[in-house]
Amino acid sequence: MGIYPPVMLRRGVEGETVIRVLVSSTGVALKIEVYLTSGHEEFDASAIRAVENFRFSAAMKNGVPTMAWAQIPVAFRIAK
């Protein structure tokens, strides 16, 4: 999902960031923020950049698309 920051990959560091995104009624991300940090700025920034490119399905309320917040975990794991 996110692009593994090269410096973190070289160091063998793993982590997870939870992103909070405000999704419009048309599925566009209106606001993106870190909800839970990985503790590493490199991971948090990469997770935000990844979510910026997402296309979402809008939340539905009474059958009508509506704006809503979503939380998206972005894991950075090194394949073993």
PDB file of N, CA and C in Angstrom:
ATOM      1  N   MET A   1       0.846  -1.177   0.000  1.00  0.00           N
ATOM      2  CA  MET A   1       0.000   0.000   0.000  1.00  0.00           C
ATOM      3  C   MET A   1       0.891   1.239   0.000  1.00  0.00           C
ATOM      4  N   GLY A   2       1.590   1.499   1.107  1.00  0.00           N
ATOM      5  CA  GLY A   2       2.502   2.635   1.131  1.00  0.00           C
ATOM      6  C   GLY A   2       3.835   2.247   0.537  1.00  0.00           C
ATOM      7  N   ILE A   3       4.615   3.211   0.135  1.00  0.00           N
ATOM      8  CA  ILE A   3       5.958   2.935  -0.354  1.00  0.00           C
ATOM      9  C   ILE A   3       6.875   2.871   0.851  1.00  0.00           C
ATOM     10  N   TYR A   4       7.584   1.761   0.976  1.00  0.00           N
ATOM     11  CA  TYR A   4       8.465   1.565   2.122  1.00  0.00           C
ATOM     12  C   TYR A   4       9.594   2.581   2.040  1.00  0.00           C
ATOM     13  N   PRO A   5       9.730   3.442   3.020  1.00  0.00           N
ATOM     14  CA  PRO A   5      10.822   4.420   2.994  1.00  0.00           C
ATOM     15  C   PRO A   5      12.171   3.691   2.971  1.00  0.00           C
ATOM     16  N   PRO A   6      13.006   3.966   1.980  1.00  0.00           N
ATOM     17  CA  PRO A   6      14.273   3.240   1.837  1.00  0.00           C
ATOM     18  C   PRO A   6      15.136   3.233   3.097  1.00  0.00           C
ATOM     19  N   VAL A   7      15.216   4.343   3.803  1.00  0.00           N
ATOM     20  CA  VAL A   7      16.048   4.395   5.010  1.00  0.00           C
ATOM     21  C   VAL A   7      15.531   3.432   6.072  1.00  0.00           C
ATOM     22  N   MET A   8      14.212   3.283   6.165  1.00  0.00           N
ATOM     23  CA  MET A   8      13.642   2.369   7.148  1.00  0.00           C
ATOM     24  C   MET A   8      13.856   0.912   6.727  1.00  0.00           C
ATOM     25  N   LEU A   9      13.784   0.656   5.440  1.00  0.00           N
ATOM     26  CA  LEU A   9      14.030  -0.686   4.924  1.00  0.00           C
ATOM     27  C   LEU A   9      15.470  -1.106   5.195  1.00  0.00           C
ATOM     28  N   ARG A  10      16.410  -0.209   4.922  1.00  0.00           N
ATOM     29  CA  ARG A  10      17.830  -0.510   5.176  1.00  0.00           C
ATOM     30  C   ARG A  10      18.080  -0.800   6.649  1.00  0.00           C
ATOM     31  N   ARG A  11      17.368  -0.102   7.522  1.00  0.00           N
ATOM     32  CA  ARG A  11      17.532  -0.294   8.967  1.00  0.00           C
ATOM     33  C   ARG A  11      16.783  -1.521   9.480  1.00  0.00           C
ATOM     34  N   GLY A  12      15.904  -2.083   8.645  1.00  0.00           N
ATOM     35  CA  GLY A  12      15.130  -3.243   9.061  1.00  0.00           C
ATOM     36  C   GLY A  12      13.995  -2.891  10.022  1.00  0.00           C
ATOM     37  N   VAL A  13      13.519  -1.647   9.951  1.00  0.00           N
ATOM     38  CA  VAL A  13      12.471  -1.179  10.853  1.00  0.00           C
ATOM     39  C   VAL A  13      11.099  -1.453  10.248  1.00  0.00           C
ATOM     40  N   GLU A  14      10.174  -1.944  11.057  1.00  0.00           N
ATOM     41  CA  GLU A  14       8.794  -2.161  10.652  1.00  0.00           C
ATOM     42  C   GLU A  14       7.882  -1.283  11.506  1.00  0.00           C
ATOM     43  N   GLY A  15       6.661  -1.100  11.058  1.00  0.00           N
ATOM     44  CA  GLY A  15       5.723  -0.306  11.840  1.00  0.00           C
ATOM     45  C   GLY A  15       4.353  -0.258  11.189  1.00  0.00           C
ATOM     46  N   GLU A  16       3.432   0.431  11.863  1.00  0.00           N
ATOM     47  CA  GLU A  16       2.082   0.598  11.336  1.00  0.00           C
ATOM     48  C   GLU A  16       1.570   1.977  11.721  1.00  0.00           C
ATOM     49  N   THR A  17       0.967   2.636  10.758  1.00  0.00           N
ATOM     50  CA  THR A  17       0.345   3.940  10.952  1.00  0.00           C
ATOM     51  C   THR A  17      -1.138   3.780  10.671  1.00  0.00           C
ATOM     52  N   VAL A  18      -1.978   4.435  11.459  1.00  0.00           N
ATOM     53  CA  VAL A  18      -3.403   4.451  11.161  1.00  0.00           C
ATOM     54  C   VAL A  18      -3.745   5.857  10.684  1.00  0.00           C
ATOM     55  N   ILE A  19      -4.279   5.913   9.478  1.00  0.00           N
ATOM     56  CA  ILE A  19      -4.643   7.182   8.849  1.00  0.00           C
ATOM     57  C   ILE A  19      -6.143   7.404   9.024  1.00  0.00           C
ATOM     58  N   ARG A  20      -6.515   8.639   9.275  1.00  0.00           N
ATOM     59  CA  ARG A  20      -7.926   9.032   9.356  1.00  0.00           C
ATOM     60  C   ARG A  20      -8.193   9.918   8.150  1.00  0.00           C
ATOM     61  N   VAL A  21      -9.249   9.582   7.410  1.00  0.00           N
ATOM     62  CA  VAL A  21      -9.545  10.316   6.181  1.00  0.00           C
ATOM     63  C   VAL A  21     -11.021  10.696   6.138  1.00  0.00           C
ATOM     64  N   LEU A  22     -11.274  11.944   5.771  1.00  0.00           N
ATOM     65  CA  LEU A  22     -12.640  12.412   5.565  1.00  0.00           C
ATOM     66  C   LEU A  22     -12.974  12.186   4.104  1.00  0.00           C
ATOM     67  N   VAL A  23     -13.937  11.297   3.853  1.00  0.00           N
ATOM     68  CA  VAL A  23     -14.310  10.914   2.493  1.00  0.00           C
ATOM     69  C   VAL A  23     -15.585  11.662   2.096  1.00  0.00           C
ATOM     70  N   SER A  24     -15.545  12.304   0.935  1.00  0.00           N
ATOM     71  CA  SER A  24     -16.704  13.047   0.438  1.00  0.00           C
ATOM     72  C   SER A  24     -17.798  12.095  -0.032  1.00  0.00           C
ATOM     73  N   SER A  25     -18.939  12.640  -0.338  1.00  0.00           N
ATOM     74  CA  SER A  25     -20.054  11.833  -0.841  1.00  0.00           C
ATOM     75  C   SER A  25     -19.771  11.292  -2.241  1.00  0.00           C
ATOM     76  N   THR A  26     -18.709  11.790  -2.884  1.00  0.00           N
ATOM     77  CA  THR A  26     -18.324  11.286  -4.208  1.00  0.00           C
ATOM     78  C   THR A  26     -17.102  10.360  -4.139  1.00  0.00           C
ATOM     79  N   GLY A  27     -16.616  10.065  -2.921  1.00  0.00           N
ATOM     80  CA  GLY A  27     -15.508   9.128  -2.752  1.00  0.00           C
ATOM     81  C   GLY A  27     -14.125   9.743  -2.807  1.00  0.00           C
ATOM     82  N   VAL A  28     -14.038  11.065  -2.701  1.00  0.00           N
ATOM     83  CA  VAL A  28     -12.750  11.760  -2.738  1.00  0.00           C
ATOM     84  C   VAL A  28     -12.290  12.061  -1.308  1.00  0.00           C
ATOM     85  N   ALA A  29     -10.997  11.898  -1.046  1.00  0.00           N
ATOM     86  CA  ALA A  29     -10.439  12.235   0.261  1.00  0.00           C
ATOM     87  C   ALA A  29     -10.367  13.757   0.400  1.00  0.00           C
ATOM     88  N   LEU A  30     -11.095  14.286   1.384  1.00  0.00           N
ATOM     89  CA  LEU A  30     -11.109  15.730   1.606  1.00  0.00           C
ATOM     90  C   LEU A  30     -10.075  16.163   2.630  1.00  0.00           C
ATOM     91  N   LYS A  31      -9.828  15.314   3.612  1.00  0.00           N
ATOM     92  CA  LYS A  31      -8.855  15.627   4.661  1.00  0.00           C
ATOM     93  C   LYS A  31      -8.201  14.327   5.091  1.00  0.00           C
ATOM     94  N   ILE A  32      -6.889  14.364   5.234  1.00  0.00           N
ATOM     95  CA  ILE A  32      -6.131  13.176   5.625  1.00  0.00           C
ATOM     96  C   ILE A  32      -5.220  13.557   6.784  1.00  0.00           C
ATOM     97  N   GLU A  33      -5.236  12.726   7.833  1.00  0.00           N
ATOM     98  CA  GLU A  33      -4.385  13.004   8.986  1.00  0.00           C
ATOM     99  C   GLU A  33      -3.950  11.686   9.625  1.00  0.00           C
ATOM    100  N   VAL A  34      -2.873  11.751  10.379  1.00  0.00           N
ATOM    101  CA  VAL A  34      -2.415  10.584  11.131  1.00  0.00           C
ATOM    102  C   VAL A  34      -3.307  10.458  12.362  1.00  0.00           C
ATOM    103  N   TYR A  35      -3.928   9.295  12.513  1.00  0.00           N
ATOM    104  CA  TYR A  35      -4.778   9.020  13.671  1.00  0.00           C
ATOM    105  C   TYR A  35      -3.945   8.377  14.776  1.00  0.00           C
ATOM    106  N   LEU A  36      -3.155   7.368  14.402  1.00  0.00           N
ATOM    107  CA  LEU A  36      -2.209   6.726  15.313  1.00  0.00           C
ATOM    108  C   LEU A  36      -0.858   6.649  14.617  1.00  0.00           C
ATOM    109  N   THR A  37       0.135   7.266  15.198  1.00  0.00           N
ATOM    110  CA  THR A  37       1.458   7.282  14.590  1.00  0.00           C
ATOM    111  C   THR A  37       2.176   5.953  14.780  1.00  0.00           C
ATOM    112  N   SER A  38       3.032   5.657  13.839  1.00  0.00           N
ATOM    113  CA  SER A  38       3.896   4.485  13.950  1.00  0.00           C
ATOM    114  C   SER A  38       5.057   4.781  14.898  1.00  0.00           C
ATOM    115  N   GLY A  39       5.238   6.055  15.172  1.00  0.00           N
ATOM    116  CA  GLY A  39       6.407   6.468  15.946  1.00  0.00           C
ATOM    117  C   GLY A  39       7.568   6.859  15.055  1.00  0.00           C
ATOM    118  N   HIS A  40       7.342   6.751  13.736  1.00  0.00           N
ATOM    119  CA  HIS A  40       8.379   7.077  12.762  1.00  0.00           C
ATOM    120  C   HIS A  40       7.787   8.016  11.716  1.00  0.00           C
ATOM    121  N   GLU A  41       8.319   9.195  11.613  1.00  0.00           N
ATOM    122  CA  GLU A  41       7.811  10.193  10.671  1.00  0.00           C
ATOM    123  C   GLU A  41       7.837   9.691   9.233  1.00  0.00           C
ATOM    124  N   GLU A  42       8.848   8.891   8.885  1.00  0.00           N
ATOM    125  CA  GLU A  42       8.966   8.368   7.521  1.00  0.00           C
ATOM    126  C   GLU A  42       7.765   7.484   7.156  1.00  0.00           C
ATOM    127  N   PHE A  43       7.351   6.617   8.081  1.00  0.00           N
ATOM    128  CA  PHE A  43       6.194   5.757   7.826  1.00  0.00           C
ATOM    129  C   PHE A  43       4.910   6.576   7.758  1.00  0.00           C
ATOM    130  N   ASP A  44       4.752   7.501   8.681  1.00  0.00           N
ATOM    131  CA  ASP A  44       3.537   8.313   8.714  1.00  0.00           C
ATOM    132  C   ASP A  44       3.370   9.101   7.410  1.00  0.00           C
ATOM    133  N   ALA A  45       4.447   9.720   6.940  1.00  0.00           N
ATOM    134  CA  ALA A  45       4.392  10.511   5.701  1.00  0.00           C
ATOM    135  C   ALA A  45       4.100   9.620   4.490  1.00  0.00           C
ATOM    136  N   SER A  46       4.708   8.438   4.440  1.00  0.00           N
ATOM    137  CA  SER A  46       4.480   7.522   3.325  1.00  0.00           C
ATOM    138  C   SER A  46       3.035   7.030   3.317  1.00  0.00           C
ATOM    139  N   ALA A  47       2.485   6.772   4.483  1.00  0.00           N
ATOM    140  CA  ALA A  47       1.095   6.318   4.582  1.00  0.00           C
ATOM    141  C   ALA A  47       0.140   7.401   4.087  1.00  0.00           C
ATOM    142  N   ILE A  48       0.395   8.642   4.448  1.00  0.00           N
ATOM    143  CA  ILE A  48      -0.450   9.748   3.979  1.00  0.00           C
ATOM    144  C   ILE A  48      -0.385   9.851   2.462  1.00  0.00           C
ATOM    145  N   ARG A  49       0.821   9.770   1.890  1.00  0.00           N
ATOM    146  CA  ARG A  49       0.962   9.859   0.435  1.00  0.00           C
ATOM    147  C   ARG A  49       0.202   8.736  -0.269  1.00  0.00           C
ATOM    148  N   ALA A  50       0.220   7.543   0.313  1.00  0.00           N
ATOM    149  CA  ALA A  50      -0.490   6.414  -0.296  1.00  0.00           C
ATOM    150  C   ALA A  50      -1.993   6.653  -0.296  1.00  0.00           C
ATOM    151  N   VAL A  51      -2.529   7.106   0.823  1.00  0.00           N
ATOM    152  CA  VAL A  51      -3.976   7.308   0.945  1.00  0.00           C
ATOM    153  C   VAL A  51      -4.454   8.457   0.057  1.00  0.00           C
ATOM    154  N   GLU A  52      -3.595   9.421  -0.226  1.00  0.00           N
ATOM    155  CA  GLU A  52      -3.967  10.533  -1.107  1.00  0.00           C
ATOM    156  C   GLU A  52      -4.409  10.036  -2.485  1.00  0.00           C
ATOM    157  N   ASN A  53      -3.907   8.880  -2.890  1.00  0.00           N
ATOM    158  CA  ASN A  53      -4.207   8.343  -4.219  1.00  0.00           C
ATOM    159  C   ASN A  53      -5.384   7.365  -4.231  1.00  0.00           C
ATOM    160  N   PHE A  54      -5.975   7.107  -3.072  1.00  0.00           N
ATOM    161  CA  PHE A  54      -7.100   6.173  -2.999  1.00  0.00           C
ATOM    162  C   PHE A  54      -8.361   6.792  -3.582  1.00  0.00           C
ATOM    163  N   ARG A  55      -9.213   5.936  -4.072  1.00  0.00           N
ATOM    164  CA  ARG A  55     -10.570   6.314  -4.474  1.00  0.00           C
ATOM    165  C   ARG A  55     -11.489   5.497  -3.566  1.00  0.00           C
ATOM    166  N   PHE A  56     -12.392   6.143  -2.886  1.00  0.00           N
ATOM    167  CA  PHE A  56     -13.226   5.504  -1.882  1.00  0.00           C
ATOM    168  C   PHE A  56     -14.656   5.329  -2.364  1.00  0.00           C
ATOM    169  N   SER A  57     -15.365   4.418  -1.713  1.00  0.00           N
ATOM    170  CA  SER A  57     -16.816   4.317  -1.853  1.00  0.00           C
ATOM    171  C   SER A  57     -17.389   5.149  -0.713  1.00  0.00           C
ATOM    172  N   ALA A  58     -18.299   6.020  -1.033  1.00  0.00           N
ATOM    173  CA  ALA A  58     -18.880   6.888  -0.014  1.00  0.00           C
ATOM    174  C   ALA A  58     -19.723   6.080   0.972  1.00  0.00           C
ATOM    175  N   ALA A  59     -19.779   6.584   2.190  1.00  0.00           N
ATOM    176  CA  ALA A  59     -20.688   6.001   3.183  1.00  0.00           C
ATOM    177  C   ALA A  59     -22.117   6.277   2.735  1.00  0.00           C
ATOM    178  N   MET A  60     -23.013   5.407   3.145  1.00  0.00           N
ATOM    179  CA  MET A  60     -24.422   5.583   2.779  1.00  0.00           C
ATOM    180  C   MET A  60     -25.238   5.837   4.046  1.00  0.00           C
ATOM    181  N   LYS A  61     -26.144   6.787   3.948  1.00  0.00           N
ATOM    182  CA  LYS A  61     -27.072   7.070   5.043  1.00  0.00           C
ATOM    183  C   LYS A  61     -28.463   7.181   4.433  1.00  0.00           C
ATOM    184  N   ASN A  62     -29.344   6.261   4.829  1.00  0.00           N
ATOM    185  CA  ASN A  62     -30.701   6.204   4.263  1.00  0.00           C
ATOM    186  C   ASN A  62     -30.670   6.113   2.738  1.00  0.00           C
ATOM    187  N   GLY A  63     -29.687   5.348   2.222  1.00  0.00           N
ATOM    188  CA  GLY A  63     -29.590   5.142   0.787  1.00  0.00           C
ATOM    189  C   GLY A  63     -28.972   6.287  -0.002  1.00  0.00           C
ATOM    190  N   VAL A  64     -28.451   7.293   0.706  1.00  0.00           N
ATOM    191  CA  VAL A  64     -27.871   8.462   0.050  1.00  0.00           C
ATOM    192  C   VAL A  64     -26.376   8.538   0.393  1.00  0.00           C
ATOM    193  N   PRO A  65     -25.499   8.701  -0.610  1.00  0.00           N
ATOM    194  CA  PRO A  65     -24.074   8.859  -0.314  1.00  0.00           C
ATOM    195  C   PRO A  65     -23.854  10.085   0.580  1.00  0.00           C
ATOM    196  N   THR A  66     -22.981   9.911   1.574  1.00  0.00           N
ATOM    197  CA  THR A  66     -22.728  10.991   2.519  1.00  0.00           C
ATOM    198  C   THR A  66     -21.251  11.051   2.893  1.00  0.00           C
ATOM    199  N   MET A  67     -20.829  12.188   3.353  1.00  0.00           N
ATOM    200  CA  MET A  67     -19.460  12.388   3.807  1.00  0.00           C
ATOM    201  C   MET A  67     -19.279  11.675   5.151  1.00  0.00           C
ATOM    202  N   ALA A  68     -18.114  11.040   5.342  1.00  0.00           N
ATOM    203  CA  ALA A  68     -17.853  10.336   6.594  1.00  0.00           C
ATOM    204  C   ALA A  68     -16.347  10.158   6.792  1.00  0.00           C
ATOM    205  N   TRP A  69     -15.965   9.969   8.051  1.00  0.00           N
ATOM    206  CA  TRP A  69     -14.575   9.669   8.386  1.00  0.00           C
ATOM    207  C   TRP A  69     -14.339   8.169   8.300  1.00  0.00           C
ATOM    208  N   ALA A  70     -13.137   7.781   7.881  1.00  0.00           N
ATOM    209  CA  ALA A  70     -12.726   6.375   7.852  1.00  0.00           C
ATOM    210  C   ALA A  70     -11.326   6.279   8.436  1.00  0.00           C
ATOM    211  N   GLN A  71     -11.025   5.149   9.026  1.00  0.00           N
ATOM    212  CA  GLN A  71      -9.675   4.885   9.533  1.00  0.00           C
ATOM    213  C   GLN A  71      -9.065   3.764   8.712  1.00  0.00           C
ATOM    214  N   ILE A  72      -7.820   3.979   8.283  1.00  0.00           N
ATOM    215  CA  ILE A  72      -7.147   3.012   7.415  1.00  0.00           C
ATOM    216  C   ILE A  72      -5.787   2.664   8.021  1.00  0.00           C
ATOM    217  N   PRO A  73      -5.609   1.398   8.419  1.00  0.00           N
ATOM    218  CA  PRO A  73      -4.281   0.993   8.891  1.00  0.00           C
ATOM    219  C   PRO A  73      -3.353   0.753   7.705  1.00  0.00           C
ATOM    220  N   VAL A  74      -2.140   1.257   7.814  1.00  0.00           N
ATOM    221  CA  VAL A  74      -1.120   1.035   6.782  1.00  0.00           C
ATOM    222  C   VAL A  74       0.068   0.388   7.465  1.00  0.00           C
ATOM    223  N   ALA A  75       0.299  -0.883   7.139  1.00  0.00           N
ATOM    224  CA  ALA A  75       1.376  -1.651   7.762  1.00  0.00           C
ATOM    225  C   ALA A  75       2.623  -1.630   6.883  1.00  0.00           C
ATOM    226  N   PHE A  76       3.753  -1.490   7.513  1.00  0.00           N
ATOM    227  CA  PHE A  76       5.052  -1.553   6.847  1.00  0.00           C
ATOM    228  C   PHE A  76       5.774  -2.777   7.425  1.00  0.00           C
ATOM    229  N   ARG A  77       5.787  -3.844   6.632  1.00  0.00           N
ATOM    230  CA  ARG A  77       6.399  -5.104   7.050  1.00  0.00           C
ATOM    231  C   ARG A  77       7.413  -5.537   6.006  1.00  0.00           C
ATOM    232  N   ILE A  78       8.499  -6.065   6.478  1.00  0.00           N
ATOM    233  CA  ILE A  78       9.543  -6.570   5.596  1.00  0.00           C
ATOM    234  C   ILE A  78       9.277  -8.049   5.339  1.00  0.00           C
ATOM    235  N   ALA A  79       9.169  -8.423   4.061  1.00  0.00           N
ATOM    236  CA  ALA A  79       8.917  -9.823   3.701  1.00  0.00           C
ATOM    237  C   ALA A  79      10.106 -10.675   4.148  1.00  0.00           C
ATOM    238  N   LYS A  80       9.783 -11.799   4.705  1.00  0.00           N
ATOM    239  CA  LYS A  80      10.854 -12.668   5.205  1.00  0.00           C
ATOM    240  C   LYS A  80      10.902 -13.963   4.450  1.00  0.00           C
TER     241      LYS A  80
END
